[in-house]
Amino acid sequence: YTSSNPAVATVDAAGKVTTVSAGTVTITATQAAVVGVNVQATQSYSLTVNPTPVPVLSFTQAGPLQIILGNSLTNAVSSTLTGGSYGAVTYTSSNPAVATVDAAGKVTTVSAGTVTITATQAAVVGVNVQATQSYSLTVNPTPVPVLSFTQAGPLQIILGNSLTNAVSSTLTGGSYGAVTYTSSNPVVATVDAAGKVTTVSAGTVTITATQAAVVGVNVQATQSYSLTVNPTPVPVLSFTQAGPLQIILGNSLTNAVSSTLTGGSYGAVTYTSSNPAVATVDAAGKVTTVSAGTVTITATQAAVVGVNVQATQSYSLTVNPTPVPVLSFTQAGPLQIILGNSLTNAVSSTLTGGSYGAVTYTSSNPAVATVDAAGKVT
């Protein structure tokens, strides 16, 4: 057997043709002549050697593609020559430190960067040649939320009050991480899920908002502010007259209190007497005496949560008995006088002048003797 072009195909003694390259060749069989036996004879056939098939590979998504770090994607390749004895497809990553790829074309991100994912269909002799297809994949860093409080701080608040200072995020809703709030010292202030702060005691505390990380969606982010909880103000009360005071039974006095914290939402002032049987006091601080004795008058400014604490101020008041005048005549008597004469026997008092009571004179029997306003007896 012979080949017209061994560069295209060769043939061995058994007529087995081995292809070498694409092309057309003539294979000829020749039976040799033997003198006196047979003449030479030949027979030929034409053989076309076709090129080995080339698979065409196509990715589901052609690329270039982008993905956020932490996510994965499956981008499988399809081939024009698949199944049967055709070559198997494998996948490789140009940089496994950025992204890896498995046998199904599933890409898992590892770090930010750019990588080339390549699919290769293996060559099978006489079936298909090797073919490759690639796409570029950029792995972007996971987004970082920016958190901002309504009031940036540092803030101050009076003990007993509360405030809501919520945080807003540049990445909110959907699959982004949820926001939670914490207090650095719940003994000073607590904070709920809405950012509402409730004061517990005086001091300074840090309120922190944290947006949780979600793989492939956002990284964790925090934002804080400092809050000083000031003690509730203490009013200072002062009476017009500090005391101790004295008053005569039957009189009254107004001794009002003034406060360093007054008006608006500050607590109201009330007055009380330690012994209403001795003296009473009204809402204006006016004291009315009832009997002799000593009493404590107390003014109390009521506490208002988050505004002022309770405060008191007192004074001592002694209610003295009403004074008793002692009267003395110039001549003590008994006296005598001759009819037709007169005498002036005026009285003196231990309490005289000013607002003390006036002295008057009377006769038990004007038919015997009369007496005038000066004590002159006729």
Foldseek 3Di string as FASTA:
>chain_A
DAKQDVCQWGADPVRDIDGNHFDKIKDKDWDPDDVVPGHIDMDIDMDGDDDAAAKDKDWPDQDPEEAEALDKDATAIDIPDDDDPWFQKAKAKQDVCQWGAHRRRMIHGNDFDKIKMKIWGPDDVNHYHIDMGIYMYGHHYAAAKDKDWPDQDPEEAEALDKDAIAIDIPDDDDPWFQKAKAKQDVCQWGAHRRRMIHGNDFDKIKMKIWGPDDRRHHHIDMGIYMYGHHYAAAKDKDWPDQDPEEEEAPDKDAIAIDIPDDDDPWFQKAKAKPDVCQWGAHRRRMIHGNHFDKIKMKIWGPDDRRHHHIDMGIYMYGHHYDDDKDKDWPDRDPDDDDPPDKDATAIDIPDDDDPDDQDADADPDVVVWGAHRRRMID
